[in-house]
N, C-alpha and C. Protein backbone atom coordinates (compact mmCIF):
# COMPACT_ATOMS: atom_id res chain seq x y z
N MET A 1 -221.73 196.42 -60.92
CA MET A 1 -222.05 198.07 -60.62
C MET A 1 -223.33 198.42 -60.69
N ALA A 2 -224.07 199.41 -59.95
CA ALA A 2 -225.26 199.63 -59.99
C ALA A 2 -225.69 201.14 -60.25
N ILE A 3 -226.21 201.67 -60.87
CA ILE A 3 -226.17 203.05 -60.98
C ILE A 3 -227.77 203.19 -60.97
N GLN A 4 -227.66 204.11 -59.73
CA GLN A 4 -229.23 204.99 -59.25
C GLN A 4 -229.23 206.16 -59.30
N SER A 5 -230.64 206.67 -59.94
CA SER A 5 -230.41 208.20 -59.54
C SER A 5 -231.37 208.51 -58.64
N ILE A 6 -231.36 209.45 -57.73
CA ILE A 6 -231.97 209.87 -56.65
C ILE A 6 -232.01 211.07 -56.47
N ASN A 7 -233.24 212.02 -56.74
CA ASN A 7 -233.35 213.51 -56.85
C ASN A 7 -232.26 213.69 -57.45
N ASN A 8 -232.19 213.56 -58.86
CA ASN A 8 -231.29 214.16 -59.67
C ASN A 8 -229.66 214.17 -59.50
N VAL A 9 -229.59 212.94 -58.43
CA VAL A 9 -228.14 212.57 -57.83
C VAL A 9 -227.75 211.30 -58.68
N THR A 10 -226.85 211.06 -59.39
CA THR A 10 -226.20 209.86 -59.58
C THR A 10 -225.55 209.32 -58.72
N THR A 11 -225.64 207.94 -58.79
CA THR A 11 -224.83 207.26 -57.48
C THR A 11 -224.18 206.14 -58.16
N ASN A 12 -222.94 206.05 -57.99
CA ASN A 12 -222.35 204.70 -58.75
C ASN A 12 -221.98 203.82 -57.82
N VAL A 13 -222.34 202.90 -57.60
CA VAL A 13 -221.94 201.91 -56.55
C VAL A 13 -221.09 200.73 -57.01
N ALA A 14 -219.90 200.34 -56.89
CA ALA A 14 -218.97 199.32 -57.29
C ALA A 14 -218.76 198.61 -55.74
N ALA A 15 -218.89 197.27 -55.85
CA ALA A 15 -218.41 196.56 -54.67
C ALA A 15 -217.97 195.15 -55.09
N GLN A 16 -216.51 195.09 -54.28
CA GLN A 16 -216.01 193.68 -54.62
C GLN A 16 -216.33 192.88 -53.17
N THR A 17 -216.55 191.87 -53.30
CA THR A 17 -216.74 191.01 -52.07
C THR A 17 -215.79 190.20 -51.64
N LYS A 18 -215.38 189.79 -50.48
CA LYS A 18 -214.52 189.06 -50.01
C LYS A 18 -215.06 187.74 -49.93
N PRO A 19 -214.08 186.51 -50.50
CA PRO A 19 -214.61 185.41 -50.52
C PRO A 19 -215.10 184.87 -49.16
N VAL A 20 -215.81 183.97 -49.09
CA VAL A 20 -216.55 183.46 -47.60
C VAL A 20 -215.88 181.89 -47.49
N GLY A 21 -215.10 181.57 -46.51
CA GLY A 21 -214.89 180.27 -46.12
C GLY A 21 -215.73 179.92 -44.69
N LYS A 22 -215.24 178.67 -44.41
CA LYS A 22 -215.69 178.25 -43.26
C LYS A 22 -215.04 178.90 -41.97
N ASN A 23 -213.85 179.54 -42.22
CA ASN A 23 -212.97 180.13 -41.01
C ASN A 23 -212.72 181.80 -41.69
N PRO A 24 -213.13 182.47 -41.01
CA PRO A 24 -212.92 183.92 -41.37
C PRO A 24 -211.59 184.12 -41.72
N LEU A 25 -210.41 183.57 -41.09
CA LEU A 25 -209.28 183.78 -41.15
C LEU A 25 -208.85 182.94 -42.39
N GLU A 26 -209.42 181.81 -42.62
CA GLU A 26 -209.03 181.23 -44.14
C GLU A 26 -209.38 182.11 -45.31
N SER A 27 -210.66 182.54 -44.83
CA SER A 27 -211.12 183.46 -46.28
C SER A 27 -210.33 184.60 -46.39
N SER A 28 -209.73 185.18 -45.47
CA SER A 28 -208.73 186.54 -45.65
C SER A 28 -207.70 186.04 -46.32
N LYS A 29 -207.15 184.85 -45.96
CA LYS A 29 -205.68 183.72 -46.71
C LYS A 29 -206.07 183.76 -47.93
N GLN A 30 -207.51 183.63 -48.44
CA GLN A 30 -207.75 183.09 -49.92
C GLN A 30 -207.72 184.18 -50.53
N GLY A 31 -208.36 185.37 -50.12
CA GLY A 31 -208.39 186.61 -51.03
C GLY A 31 -207.22 187.46 -51.08
N ASN A 32 -207.18 188.46 -51.98
CA ASN A 32 -206.07 189.38 -52.03
C ASN A 32 -206.64 190.78 -51.30
N PRO A 33 -205.75 190.98 -50.40
CA PRO A 33 -206.07 192.09 -49.65
C PRO A 33 -206.08 193.29 -50.24
N ALA A 34 -205.38 193.67 -51.23
CA ALA A 34 -205.24 194.99 -51.94
C ALA A 34 -206.53 195.00 -52.93
N THR A 35 -207.09 193.75 -53.19
CA THR A 35 -208.35 193.98 -54.00
C THR A 35 -209.56 193.91 -53.37
N ASP A 36 -209.41 193.45 -52.21
CA ASP A 36 -210.91 192.81 -51.38
C ASP A 36 -211.37 193.80 -50.71
N VAL A 37 -211.98 195.18 -51.56
CA VAL A 37 -212.47 196.21 -50.69
C VAL A 37 -213.80 196.63 -51.22
N ASP A 38 -214.74 197.08 -50.44
CA ASP A 38 -216.06 197.92 -51.12
C ASP A 38 -215.56 199.32 -51.04
N THR A 39 -216.32 199.83 -52.47
CA THR A 39 -215.85 201.24 -52.63
C THR A 39 -217.50 201.60 -53.12
N VAL A 40 -217.77 203.06 -52.71
CA VAL A 40 -218.90 203.69 -53.24
C VAL A 40 -218.32 204.89 -53.49
N ASN A 41 -218.77 205.43 -54.78
CA ASN A 41 -218.32 206.74 -55.52
C ASN A 41 -219.84 207.47 -55.60
N ILE A 42 -219.75 208.46 -55.44
CA ILE A 42 -220.99 209.56 -55.35
C ILE A 42 -220.76 210.59 -56.38
N SER A 43 -221.37 210.60 -57.50
CA SER A 43 -221.01 211.68 -58.52
C SER A 43 -222.12 212.76 -58.51
N THR A 44 -222.05 213.79 -58.13
CA THR A 44 -222.79 215.10 -58.47
C THR A 44 -222.34 215.85 -59.14
N ALA A 45 -221.53 215.81 -60.04
CA ALA A 45 -220.84 216.67 -60.98
C ALA A 45 -221.92 217.57 -61.61
N ASP A 46 -222.99 217.18 -62.16
CA ASP A 46 -223.90 218.13 -62.60
C ASP A 46 -224.45 218.98 -61.80
N GLY A 47 -224.72 218.80 -60.79
CA GLY A 47 -225.39 219.82 -59.71
C GLY A 47 -224.22 220.75 -59.06
N ILE A 48 -222.96 220.22 -58.99
CA ILE A 48 -221.83 220.96 -58.56
C ILE A 48 -221.58 222.03 -59.78
N LYS A 49 -221.48 221.56 -61.15
CA LYS A 49 -221.25 222.60 -62.23
C LYS A 49 -222.43 223.53 -62.32
N LYS A 50 -223.62 223.10 -61.74
CA LYS A 50 -224.82 224.18 -62.20
C LYS A 50 -224.69 225.41 -61.05
N ALA A 51 -224.37 224.83 -60.14
CA ALA A 51 -224.06 225.92 -58.49
C ALA A 51 -223.15 226.76 -59.08
N VAL A 52 -221.98 226.22 -59.89
CA VAL A 52 -220.42 227.13 -59.89
C VAL A 52 -220.92 228.05 -60.93
N ASP A 53 -221.64 227.46 -61.84
CA ASP A 53 -222.14 228.30 -63.07
C ASP A 53 -223.04 229.61 -62.55
N ALA A 54 -223.88 229.27 -61.60
CA ALA A 54 -224.57 230.34 -61.13
C ALA A 54 -224.11 231.06 -60.23
N SER A 55 -223.09 230.74 -59.31
CA SER A 55 -222.17 231.86 -58.90
C SER A 55 -221.38 232.86 -59.44
N ASN A 56 -220.92 232.15 -60.79
CA ASN A 56 -220.08 232.72 -61.24
C ASN A 56 -220.74 233.94 -62.11
N SER A 57 -222.21 233.74 -62.40
CA SER A 57 -222.93 234.60 -63.10
C SER A 57 -223.22 235.58 -62.44
N ALA A 58 -223.46 235.47 -61.14
CA ALA A 58 -223.73 236.59 -59.92
C ALA A 58 -222.82 237.52 -59.54
N PRO A 59 -223.33 238.79 -59.61
CA PRO A 59 -222.28 239.90 -59.20
C PRO A 59 -221.75 239.51 -57.70
N VAL A 60 -220.62 239.94 -57.72
CA VAL A 60 -219.86 239.61 -56.47
C VAL A 60 -220.78 240.89 -55.48
N VAL A 61 -220.59 242.13 -56.19
CA VAL A 61 -221.10 243.41 -55.56
C VAL A 61 -222.01 243.96 -56.43
N ASN A 62 -222.93 244.55 -55.87
CA ASN A 62 -224.06 245.48 -56.10
C ASN A 62 -223.65 246.63 -56.63
N GLU A 63 -222.93 247.06 -57.44
CA GLU A 63 -222.56 248.29 -57.55
C GLU A 63 -223.56 249.59 -57.76
N SER A 64 -224.71 249.40 -58.31
CA SER A 64 -225.52 250.45 -58.20
C SER A 64 -225.97 250.81 -56.84
N ARG A 65 -226.22 249.86 -55.92
CA ARG A 65 -226.59 250.11 -54.79
C ARG A 65 -225.31 250.77 -53.82
N VAL A 66 -223.98 250.25 -54.12
CA VAL A 66 -222.96 250.84 -53.23
C VAL A 66 -222.93 252.44 -53.91
N ALA A 67 -222.85 252.51 -55.07
CA ALA A 67 -222.77 254.04 -55.51
C ALA A 67 -223.99 254.84 -54.96
N GLU A 68 -225.28 254.46 -54.77
CA GLU A 68 -226.38 255.24 -54.24
C GLU A 68 -226.17 255.39 -52.75
N ILE A 69 -225.37 254.55 -52.14
CA ILE A 69 -225.29 254.51 -50.65
C ILE A 69 -224.16 255.74 -50.50
N LYS A 70 -222.78 255.49 -51.24
CA LYS A 70 -221.98 256.36 -51.47
C LYS A 70 -222.46 257.91 -51.72
N ALA A 71 -223.27 257.99 -52.54
CA ALA A 71 -223.97 259.44 -52.77
C ALA A 71 -224.63 259.90 -51.79
N ALA A 72 -225.41 259.06 -51.16
CA ALA A 72 -226.02 259.61 -49.95
C ALA A 72 -225.32 259.98 -48.72
N ILE A 73 -224.28 259.27 -48.60
CA ILE A 73 -223.23 259.60 -47.38
C ILE A 73 -222.69 260.81 -47.68
N GLN A 74 -222.11 261.11 -48.65
CA GLN A 74 -221.32 262.40 -49.42
C GLN A 74 -222.58 263.68 -49.30
N ALA A 75 -223.51 263.27 -49.47
CA ALA A 75 -225.11 264.46 -49.45
C ALA A 75 -225.42 264.53 -47.83
N GLY A 76 -224.68 263.67 -47.18
CA GLY A 76 -225.20 263.78 -45.96
C GLY A 76 -226.74 263.28 -45.34
N ASN A 77 -227.35 262.50 -46.37
CA ASN A 77 -228.57 262.03 -46.40
C ASN A 77 -228.73 260.76 -46.04
N TYR A 78 -227.64 260.06 -45.68
CA TYR A 78 -228.05 258.52 -45.12
C TYR A 78 -228.08 258.39 -44.04
N LYS A 79 -228.98 257.71 -43.53
CA LYS A 79 -229.77 257.59 -42.52
C LYS A 79 -229.69 255.93 -41.87
N ILE A 80 -229.06 255.74 -40.67
CA ILE A 80 -229.09 254.64 -40.37
C ILE A 80 -230.27 254.18 -39.21
N ASP A 81 -231.05 253.04 -39.42
CA ASP A 81 -231.83 252.57 -38.74
C ASP A 81 -231.48 251.63 -38.01
N PRO A 82 -231.27 251.91 -36.60
CA PRO A 82 -230.65 250.93 -35.43
C PRO A 82 -231.70 249.47 -35.35
N ASP A 83 -232.88 249.82 -35.63
CA ASP A 83 -233.84 248.76 -35.23
C ASP A 83 -233.77 247.65 -36.57
N HIS A 84 -233.44 248.42 -37.72
CA HIS A 84 -233.23 247.34 -39.17
C HIS A 84 -231.89 246.64 -38.91
N VAL A 85 -230.95 247.47 -38.45
CA VAL A 85 -229.68 246.74 -38.11
C VAL A 85 -229.80 245.69 -37.38
N ALA A 86 -230.32 245.91 -36.20
CA ALA A 86 -230.49 244.84 -35.48
C ALA A 86 -231.26 243.54 -35.71
N GLU A 87 -232.19 243.89 -36.46
CA GLU A 87 -233.09 242.71 -37.07
C GLU A 87 -232.51 242.00 -37.89
N LYS A 88 -231.75 242.80 -38.84
CA LYS A 88 -230.72 241.94 -39.60
C LYS A 88 -229.51 240.90 -38.94
N MET A 89 -229.30 241.62 -38.10
CA MET A 89 -228.07 240.79 -37.16
C MET A 89 -228.92 239.59 -36.69
N MET A 90 -229.85 239.61 -35.95
CA MET A 90 -230.63 238.52 -35.30
C MET A 90 -230.78 237.67 -36.32
N GLN A 91 -231.25 238.10 -37.68
CA GLN A 91 -231.59 237.02 -38.80
C GLN A 91 -230.36 236.15 -39.16
N LEU A 92 -229.15 236.89 -39.26
CA LEU A 92 -227.98 236.24 -39.49
C LEU A 92 -227.83 235.28 -38.58
N GLU A 93 -227.53 235.67 -37.12
CA GLU A 93 -227.39 234.77 -36.11
C GLU A 93 -228.32 233.52 -36.04
N THR A 94 -229.65 233.83 -36.24
CA THR A 94 -230.61 232.78 -36.52
C THR A 94 -230.27 231.48 -37.65
N LYS A 95 -229.60 232.28 -38.84
CA LYS A 95 -229.17 231.06 -39.79
C LYS A 95 -227.78 230.64 -39.45
N LEU A 96 -226.94 231.41 -38.79
CA LEU A 96 -225.78 230.58 -38.51
C LEU A 96 -226.23 229.58 -37.49
N ALA A 97 -226.84 229.98 -36.35
CA ALA A 97 -227.00 228.72 -35.50
C ALA A 97 -228.07 227.57 -36.19
N ASN A 98 -228.86 228.03 -37.24
CA ASN A 98 -229.42 226.63 -37.66
C ASN A 98 -228.54 225.88 -38.66
N SER A 99 -227.45 226.38 -39.07
CA SER A 99 -226.61 225.64 -40.18
C SER A 99 -225.69 224.79 -39.59
N THR A 100 -225.78 224.75 -38.44
CA THR A 100 -224.65 223.76 -37.62
C THR A 100 -225.27 222.76 -37.10
């Protein structure tokens, strides 16, 4: 088993090799098919835990901004900037297209 750290990602590699004989069919008869497998386990538990902790500590909704917008709507002072809305929609479309 070899353990290597690559960019703060711990990689555990465990490998079992099949016995090699003169004839490939002979070697498969000699080995135990239930245990003759290669496996690779990649553990990023620390990275996942950090991401989960960060997302749990971040507020889901910016309550003060929501209250500010509600007050402006009720007062009749909320202005919609169609250019800004279109720009944000295009940014979202670009991010979605680049994420696939």
